Amino acid sequence: MEEHEKKLMGQRIKEERKRKNMSQDELADILGMKRTNVSNYESGRTIPPGDVLKRLAEIFGVESDYILGASNIRRDVYFEAGSVAENRNPYYVITEKDEKDIAKQLEAMMENLDSNAALSFMGEPMDEEDRELLRISLENTLRMSREMAKKKFTPKKYRK
């Protein structure tokens, strides 16, 4: 991840924390870590691991792609019982079955990427950090495409 991408991610974490009227100490308590970790994320010195990034997205109610800087669109997302739902509309909420399907698809994609001799980006082999960011991005893409398919293909009589 390039320096300007780290800075953008840190800036977005800080903005979202302030939007929720939280101090770094409060956010660190929620995440179960020290304030210095949050400070390092916000300054762009370190990148939060995937599980922390997912938790930040849940806390702030936004997509992790927005925090990562992969998307410039800030959409409010609601997390209910481990599922993502926009506007709390039940007919296209990601269900437990959808979660399992997404996990299987993601695992197959990652195995396929690993099975190729040398997964690289611009000639450089991908390190674990880049691989994790790719995994997060793929997971978000699968979630969004599942939601969009439900919105598009659910018959009107089943929409509530």
Protein backbone atom coordinates (compact mmCIF):
# COMPACT_ATOMS: atom_id res chain seq x y z
CA MET A 1 0.00 0.00 0.00
CA GLU A 2 1.42 3.36 -1.01
CA GLU A 3 2.01 6.20 1.42
CA HIS A 4 -0.83 8.40 0.14
CA GLU A 5 -3.25 5.45 0.41
CA LYS A 6 -2.22 4.90 4.03
CA LYS A 7 -2.75 8.60 4.76
CA LEU A 8 -6.21 8.55 3.13
CA MET A 9 -7.22 5.49 5.17
CA GLY A 10 -5.97 7.12 8.36
CA GLN A 11 -7.79 10.34 7.53
CA ARG A 12 -11.05 8.45 6.98
CA ILE A 13 -10.72 6.54 10.25
CA LYS A 14 -10.17 9.83 12.07
CA GLU A 15 -13.11 11.53 10.31
CA GLU A 16 -15.46 8.65 11.10
CA ARG A 17 -14.31 8.53 14.72
CA LYS A 18 -14.99 12.24 15.08
CA ARG A 19 -18.34 11.86 13.31
CA LYS A 20 -19.27 9.41 16.09
CA ASN A 21 -17.97 11.89 18.72
CA MET A 22 -15.43 9.37 20.01
CA SER A 23 -12.00 9.94 21.43
CA GLN A 24 -9.10 7.73 20.43
CA ASP A 25 -9.25 6.19 23.91
CA GLU A 26 -12.94 5.31 23.51
CA LEU A 27 -12.37 3.74 20.10
CA ALA A 28 -9.37 1.82 21.42
CA ASP A 29 -11.49 0.48 24.32
CA ILE A 30 -14.18 -0.72 21.91
CA LEU A 31 -11.55 -2.40 19.74
CA GLY A 32 -9.77 -3.88 22.76
CA MET A 33 -6.43 -2.26 22.04
CA LYS A 34 -4.23 0.62 23.14
CA ARG A 35 -4.81 4.22 22.08
CA THR A 36 -1.42 4.25 20.34
CA ASN A 37 -2.70 1.63 17.87
CA VAL A 38 -5.62 3.89 16.92
CA SER A 39 -3.26 6.85 16.68
CA ASN A 40 -0.97 4.85 14.37
CA TYR A 41 -3.93 3.89 12.15
CA GLU A 42 -5.10 7.51 11.94
CA SER A 43 -1.64 8.85 11.12
CA GLY A 44 -1.14 6.21 8.41
CA ARG A 45 1.90 4.71 10.16
CA THR A 46 0.25 1.29 10.34
CA ILE A 47 -2.61 -0.42 8.53
CA PRO A 48 -5.32 -2.13 10.58
CA PRO A 49 -5.51 -5.90 10.04
CA GLY A 50 -8.59 -7.26 8.27
CA ASP A 51 -10.55 -8.12 11.42
CA VAL A 52 -9.96 -4.64 12.86
CA LEU A 53 -10.91 -3.01 9.56
CA LYS A 54 -14.15 -4.99 9.51
CA ARG A 55 -14.88 -3.98 13.11
CA LEU A 56 -14.15 -0.30 12.31
CA ALA A 57 -16.63 -0.47 9.43
CA GLU A 58 -19.25 -1.93 11.79
CA ILE A 59 -18.60 0.71 14.46
CA PHE A 60 -18.75 3.58 11.97
CA GLY A 61 -21.61 2.11 9.92
CA VAL A 62 -19.78 2.41 6.59
CA GLU A 63 -18.31 0.00 4.07
CA SER A 64 -14.74 -1.13 4.63
CA ASP A 65 -13.97 -0.20 1.00
CA TYR A 66 -14.69 3.42 1.94
CA ILE A 67 -12.26 3.27 4.86
CA LEU A 68 -9.63 1.60 2.65
CA GLY A 69 -9.99 4.35 0.06
CA ALA A 70 -11.16 1.87 -2.59
CA SER A 71 -14.44 3.79 -2.81
CA ASN A 72 -15.06 7.50 -2.49
CA ILE A 73 -18.77 7.00 -1.86
CA ARG A 74 -19.67 7.10 1.82
CA ARG A 75 -22.79 5.00 2.25
CA ASP A 76 -24.36 4.30 5.60
CA VAL A 77 -24.49 0.56 6.17
CA TYR A 78 -26.30 -1.13 9.03
CA PHE A 79 -24.90 -4.25 10.64
CA GLU A 80 -27.52 -6.54 12.13
CA ALA A 81 -26.59 -9.88 13.66
CA GLY A 82 -23.51 -10.16 11.47
CA SER A 83 -25.37 -9.20 8.30
CA VAL A 84 -25.13 -6.08 6.21
CA ALA A 85 -28.33 -4.31 5.25
CA GLU A 86 -28.78 -0.92 3.71
CA ASN A 87 -31.80 1.06 4.96
CA ARG A 88 -32.80 -1.98 7.06
CA ASN A 89 -34.88 -3.38 4.19
CA PRO A 90 -35.29 -7.09 4.97
CA TYR A 91 -35.77 -8.53 1.50
CA TYR A 92 -32.16 -7.99 0.49
CA VAL A 93 -30.38 -8.44 3.80
CA ILE A 94 -27.44 -10.81 3.53
CA THR A 95 -28.68 -14.00 5.21
CA GLU A 96 -26.71 -16.70 6.98
CA LYS A 97 -26.92 -18.85 3.85
CA ASP A 98 -25.61 -15.93 1.78
CA GLU A 99 -22.74 -15.53 4.26
CA LYS A 100 -21.80 -19.20 3.81
CA ASP A 101 -22.03 -18.91 0.00
CA ILE A 102 -19.87 -15.77 0.03
CA ALA A 103 -17.31 -17.48 2.30
CA LYS A 104 -17.15 -20.48 -0.07
CA GLN A 105 -16.78 -18.26 -3.14
CA LEU A 106 -14.10 -16.17 -1.44
CA GLU A 107 -12.19 -19.26 -0.33
CA ALA A 108 -12.32 -20.66 -3.87
CA MET A 109 -11.07 -17.36 -5.31
CA MET A 110 -8.20 -17.14 -2.85
CA GLU A 111 -7.22 -20.78 -3.44
CA ASN A 112 -7.28 -20.15 -7.18
CA LEU A 113 -5.02 -17.14 -6.72
CA ASP A 114 -2.67 -19.18 -4.50
CA SER A 115 -2.57 -22.06 -6.97
CA ASN A 116 -1.02 -19.85 -9.64
CA ALA A 117 2.76 -20.02 -9.43
CA ALA A 118 3.44 -16.37 -8.68
CA LEU A 119 0.69 -13.94 -7.86
CA SER A 120 2.22 -10.52 -8.42
CA PHE A 121 1.27 -6.93 -8.87
CA MET A 122 3.23 -4.93 -11.42
CA GLY A 123 5.97 -7.57 -11.40
CA GLU A 124 6.37 -7.62 -7.60
CA PRO A 125 5.16 -10.61 -5.58
CA MET A 126 2.23 -9.80 -3.29
CA ASP A 127 3.02 -9.79 0.40
CA GLU A 128 0.56 -10.91 3.10
CA GLU A 129 -0.70 -7.36 3.69
CA ASP A 130 -1.58 -6.89 0.02
CA ARG A 131 -3.13 -10.36 -0.11
CA GLU A 132 -5.33 -9.50 2.90
CA LEU A 133 -6.40 -6.20 1.33
CA LEU A 134 -7.27 -8.07 -1.87
CA ARG A 135 -9.27 -10.61 0.15
CA ILE A 136 -11.20 -7.82 1.91
CA SER A 137 -11.92 -6.11 -1.38
CA LEU A 138 -13.12 -9.35 -2.98
CA GLU A 139 -15.33 -10.09 0.03
CA ASN A 140 -16.92 -6.64 -0.15
CA THR A 141 -17.47 -7.05 -3.89
CA LEU A 142 -19.18 -10.41 -3.36
CA ARG A 143 -21.40 -8.93 -0.64
CA MET A 144 -22.37 -5.94 -2.76
CA SER A 145 -23.09 -8.08 -5.82
CA ARG A 146 -25.27 -10.43 -3.73
CA GLU A 147 -27.22 -7.47 -2.35
CA MET A 148 -27.60 -5.90 -5.79
CA ALA A 149 -28.83 -9.20 -7.25
CA LYS A 150 -31.42 -9.51 -4.50
CA LYS A 151 -32.60 -5.94 -5.12
CA LYS A 152 -32.81 -6.49 -8.85
CA PHE A 153 -34.24 -10.00 -9.05
CA THR A 154 -36.56 -10.30 -6.04
CA PRO A 155 -40.14 -10.21 -7.39
CA LYS A 156 -42.11 -7.17 -6.23
CA LYS A 157 -44.68 -9.30 -4.43
CA TYR A 158 -41.90 -10.54 -2.05
CA ARG A 159 -40.47 -7.11 -1.30
CA LYS A 160 -41.58 -5.78 2.07
